[in-house]
Amino acid sequence: MRYLILFALAYFLIKTVRNLLSKVKIVPRDSVNPETDLSEPPSRIKVDESNIEDADFKEVE
């Protein structure tokens, strides 16, 4: 009798976990969904290349 009760509990536990996992939707982080994402996309940063100097690289021993 106790095995029947354990089997029934395990069955309902597995069924509950399966229902919960079926409702989970995995979406890539960088995907754009216009329905949920109301923020504007980030604009590109403009860099003034006239002030950039070449770096001096030294050999490391």
N, C-alpha and C. Protein backbone atom coordinates (compact mmCIF):
# COMPACT_ATOMS: atom_id res chain seq x y z
N MET A 1 0.82 -1.20 0.00
CA MET A 1 0.00 0.00 0.00
C MET A 1 0.87 1.27 0.00
N ARG A 2 1.96 1.24 0.79
CA ARG A 2 2.79 2.45 0.87
C ARG A 2 3.52 2.69 -0.46
N TYR A 3 3.83 1.63 -1.23
CA TYR A 3 4.47 1.81 -2.53
C TYR A 3 3.51 2.47 -3.52
N LEU A 4 2.25 2.16 -3.41
CA LEU A 4 1.25 2.79 -4.26
C LEU A 4 1.16 4.29 -3.97
N ILE A 5 1.20 4.63 -2.69
CA ILE A 5 1.16 6.04 -2.31
C ILE A 5 2.41 6.76 -2.79
N LEU A 6 3.59 6.14 -2.64
CA LEU A 6 4.84 6.74 -3.10
C LEU A 6 4.84 6.91 -4.62
N PHE A 7 4.33 5.90 -5.31
CA PHE A 7 4.25 5.99 -6.77
C PHE A 7 3.32 7.12 -7.19
N ALA A 8 2.19 7.27 -6.54
CA ALA A 8 1.24 8.33 -6.87
C ALA A 8 1.85 9.71 -6.59
N LEU A 9 2.55 9.86 -5.47
CA LEU A 9 3.21 11.13 -5.16
C LEU A 9 4.29 11.46 -6.19
N ALA A 10 5.08 10.46 -6.56
CA ALA A 10 6.13 10.68 -7.56
C ALA A 10 5.52 11.06 -8.91
N TYR A 11 4.43 10.41 -9.27
CA TYR A 11 3.76 10.71 -10.54
C TYR A 11 3.28 12.16 -10.59
N PHE A 12 2.59 12.59 -9.53
CA PHE A 12 2.07 13.96 -9.51
C PHE A 12 3.19 14.99 -9.39
N LEU A 13 4.26 14.65 -8.72
CA LEU A 13 5.40 15.55 -8.62
C LEU A 13 6.06 15.74 -10.00
N ILE A 14 6.27 14.65 -10.71
CA ILE A 14 6.86 14.73 -12.05
C ILE A 14 5.94 15.47 -13.00
N LYS A 15 4.65 15.23 -12.91
CA LYS A 15 3.68 15.91 -13.76
C LYS A 15 3.67 17.41 -13.49
N THR A 16 3.75 17.80 -12.23
CA THR A 16 3.77 19.22 -11.86
C THR A 16 5.03 19.90 -12.37
N VAL A 17 6.18 19.25 -12.20
CA VAL A 17 7.44 19.82 -12.66
C VAL A 17 7.44 19.95 -14.18
N ARG A 18 6.93 18.97 -14.87
CA ARG A 18 6.87 19.01 -16.34
C ARG A 18 5.97 20.16 -16.80
N ASN A 19 4.84 20.39 -16.13
CA ASN A 19 3.96 21.50 -16.50
C ASN A 19 4.63 22.84 -16.25
N LEU A 20 5.36 22.96 -15.15
CA LEU A 20 6.05 24.21 -14.86
C LEU A 20 7.15 24.48 -15.88
N LEU A 21 7.90 23.45 -16.25
CA LEU A 21 8.98 23.63 -17.21
C LEU A 21 8.46 23.90 -18.62
N SER A 22 7.29 23.42 -18.94
CA SER A 22 6.74 23.67 -20.28
C SER A 22 6.31 25.13 -20.44
N LYS A 23 6.08 25.83 -19.34
CA LYS A 23 5.67 27.24 -19.40
C LYS A 23 6.87 28.18 -19.48
N VAL A 24 8.08 27.66 -19.23
CA VAL A 24 9.28 28.49 -19.25
C VAL A 24 9.72 28.68 -20.70
N LYS A 25 9.95 29.93 -21.08
CA LYS A 25 10.39 30.24 -22.43
C LYS A 25 11.81 30.81 -22.35
N ILE A 26 12.73 30.19 -23.06
CA ILE A 26 14.12 30.64 -23.07
C ILE A 26 14.33 31.53 -24.30
N VAL A 27 14.76 32.76 -24.03
CA VAL A 27 14.95 33.76 -25.09
C VAL A 27 16.38 34.27 -24.99
N PRO A 28 17.10 34.35 -26.11
CA PRO A 28 18.45 34.91 -26.05
C PRO A 28 18.43 36.34 -25.51
N ARG A 29 19.46 36.68 -24.76
CA ARG A 29 19.50 37.97 -24.09
C ARG A 29 19.55 39.13 -25.08
N ASP A 30 20.25 38.96 -26.19
CA ASP A 30 20.41 40.06 -27.12
C ASP A 30 19.35 40.08 -28.23
N SER A 31 18.34 39.26 -28.12
CA SER A 31 17.28 39.32 -29.13
C SER A 31 16.39 40.52 -28.85
N VAL A 32 15.86 41.09 -29.91
CA VAL A 32 15.03 42.27 -29.77
C VAL A 32 13.58 41.86 -29.94
N ASN A 33 12.80 42.14 -28.93
CA ASN A 33 11.36 41.87 -28.99
C ASN A 33 10.65 43.20 -28.84
N PRO A 34 10.09 43.74 -29.91
CA PRO A 34 9.49 45.08 -29.83
C PRO A 34 8.28 45.15 -28.91
N GLU A 35 7.65 44.03 -28.60
CA GLU A 35 6.48 44.07 -27.74
C GLU A 35 6.87 44.34 -26.29
N THR A 36 7.99 43.78 -25.84
CA THR A 36 8.37 43.94 -24.44
C THR A 36 9.47 44.95 -24.25
N ASP A 37 10.27 45.23 -25.27
CA ASP A 37 11.38 46.16 -25.14
C ASP A 37 10.96 47.52 -25.67
N LEU A 38 10.68 48.44 -24.75
CA LEU A 38 10.22 49.75 -25.15
C LEU A 38 11.35 50.79 -25.15
N SER A 39 12.53 50.41 -24.70
CA SER A 39 13.63 51.36 -24.66
C SER A 39 14.24 51.51 -26.05
N GLU A 40 14.88 52.65 -26.27
CA GLU A 40 15.50 52.92 -27.56
C GLU A 40 16.82 52.18 -27.66
N PRO A 41 17.22 51.76 -28.84
CA PRO A 41 18.52 51.09 -28.98
C PRO A 41 19.64 52.09 -28.71
N PRO A 42 20.75 51.61 -28.14
CA PRO A 42 21.84 52.53 -27.82
C PRO A 42 22.47 53.08 -29.10
N SER A 43 22.80 54.36 -29.07
CA SER A 43 23.42 54.99 -30.24
C SER A 43 24.92 54.75 -30.18
N ARG A 44 25.56 54.80 -31.33
CA ARG A 44 27.00 54.57 -31.40
C ARG A 44 27.75 55.80 -30.88
N ILE A 45 28.90 55.55 -30.28
CA ILE A 45 29.73 56.62 -29.76
C ILE A 45 30.68 57.07 -30.85
N LYS A 46 30.73 58.36 -31.09
CA LYS A 46 31.63 58.91 -32.10
C LYS A 46 32.94 59.31 -31.42
N VAL A 47 34.06 58.88 -32.00
CA VAL A 47 35.37 59.14 -31.44
C VAL A 47 36.14 60.05 -32.37
N ASP A 48 36.75 61.08 -31.78
CA ASP A 48 37.59 61.99 -32.55
C ASP A 48 38.98 61.36 -32.62
N GLU A 49 39.35 60.85 -33.80
CA GLU A 49 40.60 60.11 -33.94
C GLU A 49 41.82 61.03 -34.05
N SER A 50 41.63 62.33 -34.11
CA SER A 50 42.77 63.23 -34.24
C SER A 50 43.60 63.31 -32.97
N ASN A 51 43.03 63.01 -31.82
CA ASN A 51 43.75 63.10 -30.55
C ASN A 51 44.37 61.77 -30.12
N ILE A 52 44.18 60.72 -30.89
CA ILE A 52 44.69 59.40 -30.50
C ILE A 52 46.11 59.25 -31.00
N GLU A 53 47.02 58.86 -30.08
CA GLU A 53 48.42 58.64 -30.44
C GLU A 53 48.69 57.15 -30.49
N ASP A 54 49.71 56.77 -31.26
CA ASP A 54 50.08 55.36 -31.33
C ASP A 54 50.73 54.94 -30.02
N ALA A 55 50.45 53.74 -29.60
CA ALA A 55 51.02 53.23 -28.35
C ALA A 55 52.42 52.69 -28.62
N ASP A 56 53.29 52.85 -27.63
CA ASP A 56 54.64 52.29 -27.72
C ASP A 56 54.63 50.94 -27.03
N PHE A 57 54.96 49.89 -27.77
CA PHE A 57 54.99 48.54 -27.21
C PHE A 57 56.41 48.17 -26.87
N LYS A 58 56.59 47.61 -25.69
CA LYS A 58 57.91 47.18 -25.24
C LYS A 58 57.90 45.66 -25.17
N GLU A 59 59.05 45.06 -25.46
CA GLU A 59 59.17 43.61 -25.37
C GLU A 59 59.27 43.21 -23.90
N VAL A 60 58.57 42.17 -23.53
CA VAL A 60 58.59 41.67 -22.16
C VAL A 60 59.45 40.42 -22.14
N GLU A 61 60.41 40.40 -21.20
CA GLU A 61 61.29 39.22 -21.10
C GLU A 61 60.77 38.22 -20.11
